[in-house]
């Protein structure tokens, strides 16, 4: 386990942003990769065997790394953001110890667990105080 519950609570907004952006980027890479496979087939039917082979190989190599690419691209906009430094460092340390998929899955599991929890007494008071001021 790479992340403590308190860490996830402190950095919830940053981690939710990374997870959401990572999924969007992964979808884009997935579509781009399979479009590359389609392009390779088209090149093959056009009797351009070498072009087809090169495009299919590049598409395959990108697809093999799509989790790491997606996580890296998702973290890029947060570089230099002082609020995201702690979360980015923790993710870097986790990636040094494990592959991207288990790291991202653990963050998602922590975030899902936080959503499923009933609100604490302090959170209920905060919401009640906000409702009273309206």
Protein backbone atom coordinates (compact mmCIF):
# COMPACT_ATOMS: atom_id res chain seq x y z
CA UNK A 1 0.00 0.00 0.00
CA UNK A 2 1.52 3.29 -1.13
CA UNK A 3 -0.89 5.90 0.21
CA UNK A 4 -2.25 6.54 3.68
CA UNK A 5 -5.87 7.56 4.19
CA UNK A 6 -4.88 10.91 5.72
CA UNK A 7 -2.70 11.68 2.71
CA UNK A 8 -5.58 10.97 0.33
CA UNK A 9 -7.94 13.16 2.36
CA UNK A 10 -5.42 16.05 2.39
CA UNK A 11 -4.78 15.81 -1.35
CA UNK A 12 -8.20 14.67 -2.49
CA UNK A 13 -8.80 17.43 -5.05
CA UNK A 14 -5.39 17.00 -6.66
CA UNK A 15 -5.69 13.20 -6.79
CA UNK A 16 -9.21 13.34 -8.22
CA UNK A 17 -7.94 15.66 -10.93
CA UNK A 18 -5.03 13.36 -11.75
CA UNK A 19 -7.28 10.29 -11.94
CA UNK A 20 -9.89 12.01 -14.11
CA UNK A 21 -7.29 13.52 -16.45
CA UNK A 22 -5.45 10.20 -16.63
CA UNK A 23 -8.61 8.43 -17.77
CA UNK A 24 -9.31 11.05 -20.44
CA UNK A 25 -5.73 10.86 -21.74
CA UNK A 26 -5.81 7.04 -21.68
CA UNK A 27 -8.97 7.08 -23.78
CA UNK A 28 -7.30 9.42 -26.27
CA UNK A 29 -4.21 7.22 -26.47
CA UNK A 30 -6.41 4.14 -26.89
CA UNK A 31 -8.33 5.72 -29.78
CA UNK A 32 -5.14 7.02 -31.37
CA UNK A 33 -3.46 3.62 -31.10
CA UNK A 34 -6.28 1.71 -32.72
CA UNK A 35 -6.58 4.38 -35.38
CA UNK A 36 -2.91 3.69 -36.04
CA UNK A 37 -3.71 0.00 -36.45
CA UNK A 38 -6.45 0.93 -38.90
CA UNK A 39 -4.02 3.15 -40.77
CA UNK A 40 -1.53 0.30 -40.90
CA UNK A 41 -4.13 -1.98 -42.44
CA UNK A 42 -5.02 0.71 -44.98
CA UNK A 43 -1.32 1.14 -45.87
CA UNK A 44 -1.00 -2.61 -46.24
CA UNK A 45 -3.92 -2.70 -48.68
CA UNK A 46 -2.23 0.13 -50.59
CA UNK A 47 0.81 -2.13 -51.04
CA UNK A 48 2.94 -0.04 -48.69
CA UNK A 49 4.16 -2.92 -46.53
CA UNK A 50 7.01 -1.03 -44.84
CA UNK A 51 4.80 1.93 -43.94
CA UNK A 52 2.20 -0.47 -42.53
CA UNK A 53 4.81 -2.32 -40.52
CA UNK A 54 6.30 0.88 -39.09
CA UNK A 55 2.88 2.36 -38.20
CA UNK A 56 1.70 -0.89 -36.60
CA UNK A 57 4.94 -1.18 -34.60
CA UNK A 58 4.74 2.41 -33.33
CA UNK A 59 1.08 1.93 -32.43
CA UNK A 60 1.91 -1.24 -30.55
CA UNK A 61 4.75 0.40 -28.62
CA UNK A 62 2.55 3.35 -27.65
CA UNK A 63 -0.22 0.97 -26.57
CA UNK A 64 2.22 -1.01 -24.40
CA UNK A 65 3.10 2.17 -22.51
CA UNK A 66 -0.32 3.84 -22.48
CA UNK A 67 -0.80 3.69 -18.67
CA UNK A 68 2.55 5.35 -17.99
CA UNK A 69 2.00 7.86 -20.78
CA UNK A 70 -1.49 8.68 -19.54
CA UNK A 71 -0.32 9.17 -15.96
CA UNK A 72 2.64 11.27 -17.08
CA UNK A 73 0.55 13.51 -19.32
CA UNK A 74 -2.10 13.83 -16.58
CA UNK A 75 0.51 15.08 -14.12
CA UNK A 76 2.15 17.58 -16.50
CA UNK A 77 -0.25 20.52 -15.90
CA UNK A 78 0.33 20.23 -12.15
CA UNK A 79 4.10 20.70 -12.29
CA UNK A 80 4.99 23.87 -10.45
CA UNK A 81 1.66 23.98 -8.58
CA UNK A 82 2.54 24.33 -4.87
CA UNK A 83 -0.70 22.61 -3.80
CA UNK A 84 0.12 19.53 -5.88
CA UNK A 85 3.77 19.04 -4.84
CA UNK A 86 3.05 16.56 -2.06
CA UNK A 87 0.73 14.44 -4.21
CA UNK A 88 3.10 14.43 -7.19
CA UNK A 89 6.05 13.38 -5.03
CA UNK A 90 4.05 10.57 -3.46
CA UNK A 91 2.96 9.34 -6.88
CA UNK A 92 6.58 9.47 -8.11
CA UNK A 93 7.71 7.40 -5.12
CA UNK A 94 4.89 4.91 -5.68
CA UNK A 95 5.80 4.63 -9.38
CA UNK A 96 9.40 3.88 -8.42
CA UNK A 97 8.13 0.92 -6.38
CA UNK A 98 5.32 -0.33 -8.60
CA UNK A 99 3.79 -0.14 -12.07
CA UNK A 100 1.34 2.64 -13.03
CA UNK A 101 -1.79 0.48 -13.07
CA UNK A 102 -1.61 -0.67 -9.41
CA UNK A 103 -0.72 2.87 -8.27
CA UNK A 104 -3.65 4.42 -10.09
CA UNK A 105 -5.96 1.62 -8.93
CA UNK A 106 -4.98 2.24 -5.31
CA UNK A 107 -5.64 5.97 -5.59
CA UNK A 108 -9.02 5.25 -7.19
CA UNK A 109 -9.90 2.75 -4.46
CA UNK A 110 -9.07 5.29 -1.74
CA UNK A 111 -11.13 7.97 -3.47
CA UNK A 112 -14.07 5.60 -3.93
CA UNK A 113 -13.89 4.63 -0.26
CA UNK A 114 -14.05 8.30 0.71
CA UNK A 115 -17.16 8.75 -1.45
CA UNK A 116 -18.88 5.75 0.13
CA UNK A 117 -18.24 6.88 3.72
CA UNK A 118 -20.97 8.71 5.55
CA UNK A 119 -19.99 12.29 6.38
CA UNK A 120 -18.21 12.80 9.69
CA UNK A 121 -19.75 14.86 12.49
CA UNK A 122 -17.48 17.79 11.61
CA UNK A 123 -18.50 17.69 7.94
CA UNK A 124 -22.20 17.60 8.93
CA UNK A 125 -21.67 20.66 11.15
CA UNK A 126 -19.92 22.51 8.35
CA UNK A 127 -22.76 21.76 5.93
CA UNK A 128 -25.35 22.74 8.56
CA UNK A 129 -23.52 26.03 9.24
CA UNK A 130 -23.46 26.77 5.50
CA UNK A 131 -27.20 26.09 5.27
CA UNK A 132 -27.90 28.39 8.24
CA UNK A 133 -26.09 31.31 6.60
CA UNK A 134 -28.33 31.10 3.52
